[in-house]
Protein backbone atom coordinates (compact mmCIF):
# COMPACT_ATOMS: atom_id res chain seq x y z
CA MET A 1 -26.90 -52.07 -41.15
CA THR A 2 -23.89 -54.40 -40.77
CA ASP A 3 -23.60 -54.86 -44.55
CA LYS A 4 -23.90 -51.13 -45.04
CA VAL A 5 -21.06 -50.19 -42.73
CA SER A 6 -18.82 -53.02 -43.92
CA LYS A 7 -18.85 -51.64 -47.46
CA GLU A 8 -15.40 -50.44 -48.50
CA PHE A 9 -14.37 -47.30 -50.34
CA THR A 10 -11.11 -45.75 -51.46
CA LEU A 11 -10.01 -42.26 -50.45
CA GLU A 12 -10.32 -41.31 -54.12
CA GLU A 13 -13.98 -42.33 -54.14
CA VAL A 14 -14.68 -40.33 -51.01
CA ALA A 15 -12.97 -37.27 -52.54
CA LYS A 16 -15.64 -37.09 -55.24
CA HIS A 17 -18.31 -36.32 -52.63
CA ASN A 18 -17.15 -32.87 -51.61
CA LYS A 19 -19.87 -30.40 -52.44
CA GLU A 20 -23.22 -29.15 -51.27
CA GLY A 21 -25.85 -31.84 -51.72
CA ASP A 22 -23.21 -34.58 -51.80
CA LEU A 23 -20.93 -34.60 -48.75
CA TRP A 24 -18.83 -37.46 -47.39
CA ILE A 25 -16.01 -37.41 -44.87
CA VAL A 26 -13.67 -39.92 -43.22
CA VAL A 27 -13.05 -40.11 -39.49
CA ASP A 28 -10.70 -42.80 -38.19
CA SER A 29 -11.10 -45.02 -41.29
CA LYS A 30 -14.91 -44.82 -41.21
CA VAL A 31 -16.84 -43.15 -44.02
CA TYR A 32 -19.78 -40.89 -43.14
CA ASP A 33 -22.41 -39.48 -45.48
CA LEU A 34 -23.26 -36.04 -44.06
CA THR A 35 -25.35 -34.85 -47.00
CA ARG A 36 -28.64 -34.74 -45.10
CA PHE A 37 -26.99 -33.89 -41.79
CA ALA A 38 -25.07 -30.82 -43.02
CA ASN A 39 -27.86 -28.32 -42.39
CA LEU A 40 -28.42 -29.82 -38.94
CA HIS A 41 -24.79 -29.50 -37.87
CA PRO A 42 -24.66 -27.47 -34.62
CA GLY A 43 -21.71 -25.46 -35.92
CA GLY A 44 -23.36 -24.66 -39.23
CA SER A 45 -23.00 -26.40 -42.59
CA ASN A 46 -20.19 -24.13 -43.81
CA VAL A 47 -17.77 -25.82 -41.42
CA LEU A 48 -18.34 -29.13 -43.21
CA TYR A 49 -17.70 -27.71 -46.68
CA ALA A 50 -14.24 -26.45 -45.70
CA ASP A 51 -11.28 -27.64 -47.79
CA SER A 52 -9.91 -29.69 -44.90
CA VAL A 53 -13.19 -31.57 -44.36
CA ALA A 54 -15.38 -32.17 -47.43
CA GLY A 55 -14.39 -35.38 -49.19
CA LYS A 56 -11.30 -35.69 -46.97
CA ASP A 57 -9.96 -37.62 -44.04
CA ALA A 58 -11.19 -35.26 -41.33
CA THR A 59 -9.93 -37.26 -38.36
CA GLN A 60 -7.58 -34.58 -37.05
CA VAL A 61 -10.13 -31.82 -37.58
CA PHE A 62 -12.85 -33.84 -35.85
CA PHE A 63 -10.82 -34.60 -32.75
CA GLY A 64 -9.77 -30.99 -32.50
CA LEU A 65 -13.42 -30.15 -31.91
CA HIS A 66 -15.25 -33.21 -30.58
CA ARG A 67 -14.93 -36.02 -28.08
CA HIS A 68 -14.89 -39.59 -29.37
CA GLU A 69 -18.18 -40.30 -27.62
CA VAL A 70 -19.94 -38.15 -30.23
CA LEU A 71 -19.30 -40.81 -32.87
CA LEU A 72 -20.89 -43.44 -30.65
CA LYS A 73 -24.23 -41.68 -30.31
CA PRO A 74 -26.92 -43.47 -32.34
CA GLN A 75 -27.92 -40.39 -34.32
CA TYR A 76 -24.37 -39.98 -35.59
CA ALA A 77 -23.37 -43.64 -35.78
CA ARG A 78 -26.14 -44.24 -38.32
CA LEU A 79 -24.46 -41.75 -40.67
CA GLN A 80 -21.64 -44.22 -41.28
CA ILE A 81 -21.92 -45.85 -44.71
CA GLY A 82 -18.71 -47.84 -44.85
CA LYS A 83 -14.98 -47.78 -44.26
CA ILE A 84 -11.76 -47.13 -46.14
CA ALA A 85 -10.29 -50.20 -47.78
CA GLY A 86 -7.05 -51.34 -46.18
CA GLN A 87 -7.43 -49.14 -43.09
CA GLU A 88 -8.27 -50.21 -39.55
CA GLU A 89 -10.08 -48.25 -36.88
CA GLN A 90 -7.51 -46.86 -34.41
CA ILE A 91 -9.68 -45.16 -31.80
CA LYS A 92 -11.91 -47.77 -30.26
CA ALA A 93 -14.60 -47.29 -27.66
CA PRO A 94 -13.32 -48.56 -24.29
CA GLN A 95 -14.98 -51.68 -22.98
CA ALA A 96 -16.37 -51.80 -19.46
CA GLY A 97 -13.57 -52.59 -17.03
CA ASP A 98 -10.73 -51.58 -19.35
CA LEU A 99 -7.71 -49.86 -17.85
CA SER A 100 -6.56 -46.66 -19.49
CA LYS A 101 -3.29 -46.80 -21.43
CA VAL A 102 -2.66 -43.08 -20.96
CA PRO A 103 0.40 -42.53 -18.71
CA TYR A 104 -0.57 -41.63 -15.13
CA ALA A 105 -4.27 -42.16 -15.85
CA GLU A 106 -4.16 -45.15 -13.50
CA PRO A 107 -2.28 -45.54 -10.19
CA THR A 108 0.93 -47.51 -10.56
CA TRP A 109 -0.48 -50.60 -8.87
CA LEU A 110 -2.83 -50.96 -11.87
CA THR A 111 -0.19 -50.11 -14.47
CA SER A 112 1.45 -52.93 -16.41
CA GLY A 113 5.01 -53.65 -15.32
CA TYR A 114 4.72 -51.89 -11.95
CA HIS A 115 4.56 -53.48 -8.51
CA SER A 116 2.94 -52.63 -5.19
CA ALA A 117 3.62 -53.48 -1.57
CA TYR A 118 -0.01 -52.80 -0.68
CA TYR A 119 -2.26 -54.36 -3.31
CA SER A 120 -2.73 -58.07 -4.01
CA ASP A 121 -4.14 -59.97 -6.97
CA ASN A 122 -7.43 -60.05 -5.09
CA HIS A 123 -7.47 -56.25 -5.00
CA ARG A 124 -6.92 -56.18 -8.76
CA LYS A 125 -9.67 -58.70 -9.40
CA PHE A 126 -11.96 -56.72 -7.11
CA GLN A 127 -11.07 -53.47 -8.88
CA HIS A 128 -11.99 -54.89 -12.27
CA ALA A 129 -15.39 -56.06 -11.06
CA VAL A 130 -16.09 -52.74 -9.35
CA ARG A 131 -15.09 -50.77 -12.45
CA VAL A 132 -17.37 -52.86 -14.65
CA PHE A 133 -20.24 -52.28 -12.25
CA PHE A 134 -19.77 -48.53 -12.03
CA GLU A 135 -19.26 -48.09 -15.76
CA THR A 136 -22.31 -50.13 -16.73
CA VAL A 137 -24.73 -49.37 -13.89
CA VAL A 138 -23.72 -46.03 -12.39
CA ARG A 139 -22.20 -43.99 -15.23
CA PRO A 140 -25.44 -43.65 -17.26
CA GLU A 141 -27.31 -42.68 -14.10
CA SER A 142 -24.57 -40.24 -13.13
CA VAL A 143 -24.82 -38.34 -16.41
CA LYS A 144 -28.60 -38.21 -16.25
CA CYS A 145 -28.84 -37.09 -12.61
CA GLU A 146 -26.02 -34.55 -12.86
CA ASP A 147 -28.05 -32.77 -15.54
CA SER A 148 -31.51 -33.19 -14.04
CA GLY A 149 -30.55 -32.65 -10.40
CA LYS A 150 -32.84 -35.50 -9.38
CA ARG A 151 -31.81 -38.03 -6.75
CA ILE A 152 -30.27 -41.34 -7.77
CA SER A 153 -32.94 -43.83 -8.85
CA GLN A 154 -34.03 -46.59 -6.52
CA GLU A 155 -33.17 -49.08 -9.26
CA VAL A 156 -29.48 -48.15 -9.12
CA VAL A 157 -29.49 -48.12 -5.32
CA ASP A 158 -31.03 -51.61 -5.35
CA LYS A 159 -28.28 -52.88 -7.66
CA MET A 160 -25.63 -51.42 -5.36
CA ALA A 161 -27.29 -53.15 -2.44
CA GLU A 162 -27.37 -56.49 -4.27
CA VAL A 163 -23.57 -56.65 -4.45
CA ASN A 164 -23.21 -54.99 -1.02
CA ILE A 165 -21.43 -51.87 -2.26
CA ILE A 166 -23.40 -49.79 0.25
CA ALA A 167 -22.10 -51.92 3.13
CA MET A 168 -18.54 -52.04 1.79
CA ARG A 169 -18.31 -48.24 1.60
CA LEU A 170 -18.28 -48.21 5.40
CA GLY A 171 -15.04 -50.19 5.47
CA PRO A 172 -14.14 -53.52 7.09
CA GLY A 173 -15.95 -54.68 10.21
CA LYS A 174 -18.61 -56.89 11.72
CA HIS A 175 -21.30 -55.25 9.56
CA LEU A 176 -19.93 -57.29 6.62
CA GLU A 177 -20.23 -60.66 8.35
CA GLY A 178 -22.35 -63.14 6.42
CA ARG A 179 -22.57 -60.92 3.33
CA THR A 180 -21.55 -61.86 -0.20
CA LEU A 181 -19.28 -59.08 -1.38
CA MET A 182 -19.16 -58.26 -5.07
CA GLY A 183 -20.34 -61.70 -6.08
CA GLY A 184 -17.97 -63.42 -3.68
CA ILE A 185 -14.73 -61.99 -5.06
CA VAL A 186 -13.57 -61.04 -1.57
CA LYS A 187 -14.56 -62.64 1.72
CA PRO A 188 -15.85 -60.38 4.52
CA GLU A 189 -12.90 -61.27 6.75
CA GLU A 190 -10.44 -60.40 3.95
CA PHE A 191 -12.01 -57.08 3.04
CA ASP A 192 -9.74 -54.18 4.02
CA TYR A 193 -9.46 -50.42 3.57
CA PHE A 194 -7.70 -50.85 0.22
CA HIS A 195 -10.78 -52.69 -1.05
CA GLU A 196 -12.93 -49.86 0.23
CA SER A 197 -10.68 -47.22 -1.34
CA ILE A 198 -11.12 -48.94 -4.70
CA ILE A 199 -14.88 -48.43 -4.44
CA HIS A 200 -14.54 -44.72 -3.67
CA GLN A 201 -12.00 -44.14 -6.43
CA GLU A 202 -13.88 -46.07 -9.08
CA LEU A 203 -17.05 -44.18 -8.18
CA ALA A 204 -15.23 -40.86 -8.67
CA ARG A 205 -14.03 -41.96 -12.13
CA VAL A 206 -17.58 -42.21 -13.48
CA SER A 207 -19.35 -39.56 -11.42
CA SER A 208 -19.28 -35.83 -10.91
CA ARG A 209 -18.52 -34.48 -7.44
CA ALA A 210 -22.24 -33.98 -6.85
CA VAL A 211 -23.12 -37.54 -7.85
CA VAL A 212 -20.38 -38.94 -5.61
CA ASP A 213 -22.20 -37.27 -2.73
CA GLY A 214 -25.64 -38.10 -4.11
CA LEU A 215 -24.83 -41.82 -4.17
CA LEU A 216 -25.51 -42.06 -0.44
CA ALA A 217 -22.42 -40.30 0.87
CA GLY A 218 -24.66 -39.16 3.72
CA LEU A 219 -25.10 -42.77 4.76
CA VAL A 220 -21.36 -43.43 4.51
CA ILE A 221 -20.65 -40.65 7.01
CA GLY A 222 -23.89 -40.82 9.02
CA LEU A 223 -24.19 -44.54 9.75
CA PRO A 224 -20.77 -45.34 11.34
CA PRO A 225 -21.70 -43.66 14.66
CA VAL A 226 -24.67 -46.05 14.81
CA LEU A 227 -22.42 -49.02 14.04
CA ASN A 228 -19.80 -48.00 16.59
CA TYR A 229 -21.81 -46.36 19.35
CA GLY A 230 -25.48 -47.30 18.90
CA SER A 231 -27.41 -49.87 20.90
CA SER A 232 -27.90 -53.37 19.53
CA GLU A 233 -31.56 -52.50 18.97
CA LEU A 234 -30.64 -49.51 16.80
CA TYR A 235 -28.01 -51.55 14.98
CA ASN A 236 -30.43 -54.37 14.20
CA LYS A 237 -33.05 -51.92 12.99
CA LEU A 238 -30.92 -49.67 10.78
CA VAL A 239 -28.32 -51.97 9.28
CA PRO A 240 -30.71 -54.26 7.36
CA GLU A 241 -32.85 -51.45 5.93
CA THR A 242 -30.00 -49.08 5.07
CA PHE A 243 -27.70 -51.71 3.57
CA ALA A 244 -30.66 -52.92 1.52
CA GLY A 245 -31.02 -49.39 0.16
CA LYS A 246 -34.52 -48.96 1.57
CA LYS A 247 -33.71 -46.21 4.08
CA TYR A 248 -31.23 -43.33 3.94
CA VAL A 249 -29.11 -41.61 6.58
CA ALA A 250 -27.54 -38.14 6.71
CA LEU A 251 -24.94 -36.71 9.08
CA ALA A 252 -26.37 -33.52 10.61
CA ILE A 253 -23.57 -31.68 12.41
CA SER A 254 -22.87 -28.38 10.62
CA GLU A 255 -25.01 -25.34 11.30
CA ALA A 256 -25.23 -21.79 10.05
CA PHE A 257 -23.65 -20.92 13.41
CA ALA A 258 -20.86 -23.50 13.36
CA GLY A 259 -19.16 -25.64 10.74
CA SER A 260 -15.63 -26.79 11.53
CA ASP A 261 -16.19 -25.38 15.04
CA VAL A 262 -18.16 -28.38 16.26
CA GLY A 263 -18.11 -27.08 19.83
CA GLY A 264 -20.07 -24.01 18.76
CA LEU A 265 -23.23 -25.87 17.76
CA GLN A 266 -26.49 -24.38 19.00
CA THR A 267 -29.03 -27.14 18.38
CA THR A 268 -30.30 -28.20 21.82
CA ALA A 269 -31.70 -31.42 23.25
CA VAL A 270 -33.59 -31.18 26.55
CA ARG A 271 -34.36 -34.33 28.55
CA ASP A 272 -38.04 -35.10 29.11
CA GLY A 273 -38.34 -38.53 30.73
CA ASP A 274 -37.41 -41.19 28.19
CA TYR A 275 -37.17 -38.63 25.38
CA TRP A 276 -35.00 -35.82 24.18
CA VAL A 277 -36.78 -32.71 22.87
CA VAL A 278 -34.60 -31.37 20.06
CA THR A 279 -34.79 -27.83 18.73
CA GLY A 280 -32.46 -26.18 16.22
CA THR A 281 -31.25 -26.10 12.65
CA LYS A 282 -28.59 -27.78 10.55
CA LYS A 283 -27.11 -26.55 7.28
CA TRP A 284 -25.24 -28.02 4.29
CA ILE A 285 -26.46 -31.52 5.12
CA THR A 286 -25.54 -33.95 2.33
CA ASN A 287 -28.49 -36.17 1.30
CA GLY A 288 -30.65 -34.26 3.77
CA THR A 289 -33.49 -33.67 1.30
CA PHE A 290 -34.23 -37.39 1.07
CA ALA A 291 -32.77 -38.82 4.30
CA ASP A 292 -34.96 -40.91 6.58
CA TYR A 293 -32.61 -40.57 9.58
CA PHE A 294 -30.27 -37.85 10.80
CA THR A 295 -27.20 -38.54 12.94
CA THR A 296 -27.36 -35.27 14.83
CA GLY A 297 -25.07 -33.33 17.14
CA CYS A 298 -26.84 -31.48 19.97
CA ARG A 299 -26.02 -29.49 23.08
CA THR A 300 -27.34 -31.01 26.32
CA GLU A 301 -26.97 -30.06 29.97
CA THR A 302 -24.05 -32.45 30.33
CA GLY A 303 -22.32 -31.48 27.10
CA PHE A 304 -22.25 -32.26 23.40
CA THR A 305 -24.30 -35.39 22.59
CA VAL A 306 -25.00 -37.28 19.37
CA MET A 307 -28.33 -38.94 18.67
CA LEU A 308 -30.21 -40.53 15.79
CA ILE A 309 -33.32 -38.60 14.77
CA GLU A 310 -35.90 -40.20 12.51
CA ARG A 311 -37.74 -38.04 9.99
CA GLY A 312 -41.21 -37.33 11.38
CA PRO A 313 -43.25 -34.61 13.12
CA GLY A 314 -41.16 -31.48 13.64
CA VAL A 315 -38.46 -32.43 11.12
CA GLU A 316 -38.40 -30.37 7.94
CA THR A 317 -35.84 -30.19 5.14
CA LYS A 318 -35.30 -27.63 2.42
CA GLN A 319 -32.94 -27.85 -0.53
CA ILE A 320 -29.90 -25.57 -0.59
CA LYS A 321 -28.65 -24.43 -3.98
CA THR A 322 -24.91 -24.93 -4.29
CA ALA A 323 -22.24 -24.76 -6.99
CA TYR A 324 -22.80 -28.41 -7.79
CA SER A 325 -25.88 -30.36 -8.85
CA SER A 326 -28.82 -30.80 -6.50
CA VAL A 327 -28.49 -34.56 -7.02
CA ALA A 328 -26.43 -34.44 -3.79
CA GLY A 329 -29.57 -33.50 -1.86
CA THR A 330 -27.85 -30.73 0.14
CA ALA A 331 -30.34 -29.51 2.73
CA TYR A 332 -31.22 -27.05 5.44
CA VAL A 333 -32.78 -29.08 8.26
CA THR A 334 -35.10 -27.75 10.93
CA PHE A 335 -35.87 -29.57 14.19
CA ASP A 336 -38.90 -28.06 15.94
CA LYS A 337 -39.36 -29.67 19.37
CA VAL A 338 -38.75 -33.12 17.93
CA ARG A 339 -39.19 -35.94 20.43
CA VAL A 340 -36.35 -38.45 20.21
CA PRO A 341 -36.11 -41.62 22.34
CA VAL A 342 -33.16 -41.46 24.72
CA SER A 343 -32.35 -44.97 23.49
CA ASN A 344 -31.37 -43.29 20.20
CA THR A 345 -28.39 -41.69 21.91
CA LEU A 346 -25.10 -42.67 20.24
CA GLY A 347 -22.35 -43.15 22.79
CA LYS A 348 -22.42 -41.59 26.22
CA ILE A 349 -24.53 -38.54 27.04
CA GLY A 350 -22.10 -35.64 26.93
CA GLY A 351 -19.54 -37.74 25.07
CA GLY A 352 -20.57 -36.72 21.59
CA MET A 353 -17.34 -34.94 20.75
CA GLY A 354 -15.45 -38.21 20.78
CA VAL A 355 -18.12 -39.85 18.61
CA ILE A 356 -17.92 -37.15 15.96
CA LEU A 357 -14.17 -36.60 15.96
CA SER A 358 -13.47 -40.31 15.50
CA ASN A 359 -16.07 -40.43 12.73
CA PHE A 360 -14.38 -37.53 10.93
CA ASN A 361 -11.25 -39.63 10.27
CA HIS A 362 -13.02 -42.05 7.97
CA GLU A 363 -15.01 -39.30 6.27
CA ARG A 364 -11.90 -37.24 5.54
CA TRP A 365 -10.04 -40.30 4.29
CA MET A 366 -12.97 -41.08 1.98
CA VAL A 367 -12.93 -37.52 0.59
CA THR A 368 -9.23 -37.84 -0.22
CA ALA A 369 -9.86 -41.12 -2.04
CA THR A 370 -12.49 -39.63 -4.35
CA SER A 371 -10.51 -36.42 -4.82
CA ILE A 372 -7.36 -38.25 -5.91
CA ALA A 373 -9.31 -40.30 -8.45
CA ALA A 374 -10.94 -37.15 -9.83
CA GLN A 375 -7.54 -35.44 -10.13
CA ARG A 376 -6.15 -38.44 -11.98
CA LEU A 377 -9.06 -38.28 -14.41
CA VAL A 378 -8.24 -34.61 -15.02
CA VAL A 379 -4.62 -35.55 -15.75
CA GLU A 380 -5.84 -38.13 -18.28
CA GLU A 381 -8.14 -35.58 -19.95
CA CYS A 382 -5.32 -33.04 -20.20
CA LEU A 383 -2.82 -35.52 -21.64
CA LYS A 384 -5.32 -36.59 -24.28
CA TRP A 385 -6.28 -33.05 -25.22
CA ALA A 386 -2.72 -31.74 -25.28
CA THR A 387 -1.63 -34.43 -27.72
CA GLN A 388 -4.60 -34.08 -30.11
CA ARG A 389 -5.05 -30.31 -30.05
CA ILE A 390 -3.08 -28.62 -32.88
CA VAL A 391 -1.89 -25.05 -32.34
CA PHE A 392 0.50 -23.15 -34.59
CA GLY A 393 0.70 -26.30 -36.70
CA LYS A 394 1.92 -28.49 -33.83
CA PRO A 395 0.37 -30.47 -30.95
CA LEU A 396 -0.27 -28.48 -27.78
CA THR A 397 2.41 -30.60 -26.09
CA SER A 398 5.03 -28.79 -28.17
CA GLN A 399 4.53 -25.79 -25.88
CA ALA A 400 6.93 -25.89 -22.92
CA VAL A 401 4.45 -24.07 -20.68
CA ILE A 402 1.88 -26.81 -21.28
CA ARG A 403 4.40 -29.54 -20.51
CA ALA A 404 5.26 -27.71 -17.30
CA LYS A 405 1.60 -27.67 -16.25
CA LEU A 406 1.30 -31.38 -17.04
CA ALA A 407 4.42 -32.08 -14.98
CA SER A 408 2.93 -30.23 -12.00
CA MET A 409 -0.40 -32.06 -12.25
CA ILE A 410 1.29 -35.46 -12.53
CA SER A 411 3.64 -34.76 -9.61
CA ARG A 412 0.78 -33.66 -7.38
CA VAL A 413 -1.47 -36.64 -8.04
CA GLU A 414 1.37 -39.12 -7.58
CA ALA A 415 2.35 -37.48 -4.27
CA CYS A 416 -1.28 -37.62 -3.12
CA GLN A 417 -1.62 -41.27 -4.13
CA ASN A 418 1.49 -42.40 -2.29
CA TRP A 419 0.67 -40.53 0.92
CA PHE A 420 -2.89 -41.84 0.77
CA GLU A 421 -1.70 -45.45 0.38
CA SER A 422 0.70 -45.07 3.31
CA VAL A 423 -2.11 -43.83 5.57
CA THR A 424 -4.46 -46.56 4.32
CA TYR A 425 -1.89 -49.22 5.18
CA GLN A 426 -1.72 -47.87 8.74
CA MET A 427 -5.53 -47.98 8.96
CA ASN A 428 -5.39 -51.67 8.06
CA LYS A 429 -2.97 -52.29 10.92
CA MET A 430 -4.78 -50.27 13.61
CA ASN A 431 -8.05 -50.73 15.44
CA TYR A 432 -10.63 -47.95 15.65
CA SER A 433 -9.25 -46.35 18.82
CA GLU A 434 -5.66 -46.49 17.57
CA GLN A 435 -6.72 -44.76 14.36
CA SER A 436 -8.38 -42.02 16.38
CA ASP A 437 -5.25 -41.52 18.48
CA LYS A 438 -2.55 -41.78 15.85
CA LEU A 439 -4.12 -40.91 12.49
CA ALA A 440 -6.44 -37.96 13.12
CA GLY A 441 -3.60 -35.49 12.55
CA PRO A 442 -2.03 -37.22 9.53
CA ILE A 443 -5.45 -37.69 7.87
CA GLY A 444 -6.24 -34.02 8.47
CA LEU A 445 -2.97 -32.99 6.86
CA LEU A 446 -3.51 -35.45 4.02
CA LYS A 447 -6.95 -34.09 3.23
CA GLN A 448 -5.66 -30.52 3.36
CA PHE A 449 -2.85 -31.41 0.94
CA VAL A 450 -5.09 -33.36 -1.44
CA SER A 451 -7.81 -30.72 -1.61
CA ARG A 452 -5.27 -27.95 -2.18
CA THR A 453 -3.54 -29.85 -4.97
CA GLY A 454 -6.95 -30.50 -6.49
CA ARG A 455 -7.69 -26.82 -6.84
CA GLU A 456 -4.22 -26.17 -8.26
CA THR A 457 -4.79 -28.93 -10.80
CA ALA A 458 -8.20 -27.49 -11.66
CA GLU A 459 -6.55 -24.16 -12.47
CA ASP A 460 -3.82 -25.76 -14.58
CA ALA A 461 -6.32 -27.91 -16.45
CA THR A 462 -8.43 -24.86 -17.25
CA GLN A 463 -5.44 -23.21 -18.88
CA VAL A 464 -4.64 -26.37 -20.86
CA PHE A 465 -8.18 -26.55 -22.25
CA GLY A 466 -8.62 -22.80 -22.66
CA GLY A 467 -12.12 -21.64 -23.56
CA ARG A 468 -13.38 -25.21 -23.74
CA ALA A 469 -12.87 -25.47 -19.98
CA LEU A 470 -15.58 -22.87 -19.48
CA THR A 471 -18.41 -24.76 -21.17
CA THR A 472 -20.60 -27.36 -19.48
CA THR A 473 -20.79 -29.56 -22.59
CA GLY A 474 -18.39 -30.76 -25.23
CA MET A 475 -14.64 -31.24 -25.13
CA GLY A 476 -13.92 -29.57 -21.80
CA LYS A 477 -17.07 -30.50 -19.86
CA LEU A 478 -15.24 -32.63 -17.28
CA ILE A 479 -12.69 -29.89 -16.67
CA GLU A 480 -15.41 -27.25 -16.26
CA ASN A 481 -17.26 -29.44 -13.77
CA TYR A 482 -14.13 -30.24 -11.80
CA HIS A 483 -12.99 -26.62 -11.71
CA ARG A 484 -16.42 -25.55 -10.46
CA THR A 485 -16.72 -28.22 -7.78
CA SER A 486 -13.16 -29.00 -6.60
CA GLY A 487 -13.62 -26.50 -3.77
CA PHE A 488 -16.11 -28.85 -2.10
CA ASP A 489 -13.24 -31.12 -1.09
CA ALA A 490 -11.55 -28.18 0.62
CA ILE A 491 -14.62 -27.43 2.77
CA LEU A 492 -16.65 -30.58 3.40
CA ALA A 493 -15.55 -32.82 6.31
CA GLY A 494 -13.44 -29.97 7.71
CA ALA A 495 -12.07 -26.81 6.16
CA GLU A 496 -8.58 -26.95 4.72
CA ASP A 497 -6.91 -24.52 7.13
CA VAL A 498 -8.63 -26.04 10.16
CA LEU A 499 -7.35 -29.50 9.25
CA ALA A 500 -3.83 -28.22 8.65
CA ASP A 501 -3.86 -26.65 12.09
CA LEU A 502 -5.30 -29.85 13.60
CA GLY A 503 -2.43 -31.86 12.16
CA VAL A 504 0.19 -29.50 13.54
CA ARG A 505 -1.46 -29.22 16.97
CA GLN A 506 -1.52 -33.00 17.26
CA ALA A 507 2.12 -33.15 16.29
CA ILE A 508 2.99 -30.53 18.93
CA LYS A 509 1.15 -32.56 21.59
CA LYS A 510 3.39 -35.52 20.82
CA MET A 511 6.61 -33.51 20.86
CA PRO A 512 8.95 -34.99 23.47
CA ARG A 513 9.82 -32.52 26.23
CA GLU A 514 13.50 -33.32 26.01
CA ALA A 515 13.70 -32.54 22.27
CA ARG A 516 16.04 -29.58 21.85
CA LEU A 517 18.25 -28.15 19.11
């Protein structure tokens, strides 16, 4: 095969093969024999016999219709018979870990020639290792599970556990002590929220919104209450088996009766000796279809209480169909007189509101991290498409309206990134209680801003890609998926308008009484 593809031809030689039964083309210096493939072409053979394709350099035509990844598929790669003498391949397949050279496709701290007050060389080394891992281990699984709707394979979960990605997604803390993080690149005591944000953002680069949730997002939001408020017995039981990827956790707060209104929950827990008897339902529970444990909010005689419920008698889950893939495991959960040890109570009885509200900060911050990365990927897709798509004889970028949309998308993602990094820096400098006191409002406002810009960017990107943004495969598949699922960021972890109001109410509480115009 190597000798075959290294054979050289001239453009004049290729031009002789331009008719039915003898069809060659050139794409990016490589010569392809499409004679036998012509009748199998999804768009029909007539497209290949056009004057601009048969026997010609069809690079521009090809990239006006197809993504580069098409050429890398084995069934098409084997059609290559050689290359054009004196020409070099220009469009190379990216290698695992490579940074994009497209402007604004990477945050400035990863862009050559730029500097950062927040990120160190260790963060950059960590980012490279994480990107290699996600591109080689997770991306193939992401594509497969997005289409099939099946949960992430245990093999991939095991590999994540081996390098402690599962543990690191819960941020810095004592749960990392004694663990080797990403092959030893960063020490547990050095790991900070910027390291964690890298994991979330790199995950979002290679995964759809559904796969981001399917890759144990339920554990990321459901386990912290156990770490922060559970007994040592619960901690010692859950941490080893969940961080090893052997058991899964889901956060079960929302109900059909109450979502952002946490105080309106109707699931009840009645004390019976050393047990709670839990009855009620939960809805829209991420990873609920395959979770082994549920961090659950309940009403008790003394107020709202959070407890850990293990899957067993009386616990049933049913898949909910949503706008994104069922790989996320979104579930309707039923608790029918489930007996739960009182020792599984997280925090004080009646003090569950504080447990959940403090937990929301990290969850909302995590959502903004993945959303920003997804928006940046959309910007990259749009910049690539707008420069290669030819309309009215010129690139799409020649249209002022398209440049205006690109300017808006770039401005939004850069604003999101900078606000996010400012908040993350404060998280690094504050303990858990200080974050709850000072950052709940700002994080709520940040998430509201990021999710709103995401939907605006989804609309702009759809217009840039046109009809291709409406198809689930091909050139605009990432845009279609993002447009369809960007609304999840505006709802999950707190609805947009509720969080905006939360931020303002917290600001009003801190208004000094003597402040006057």
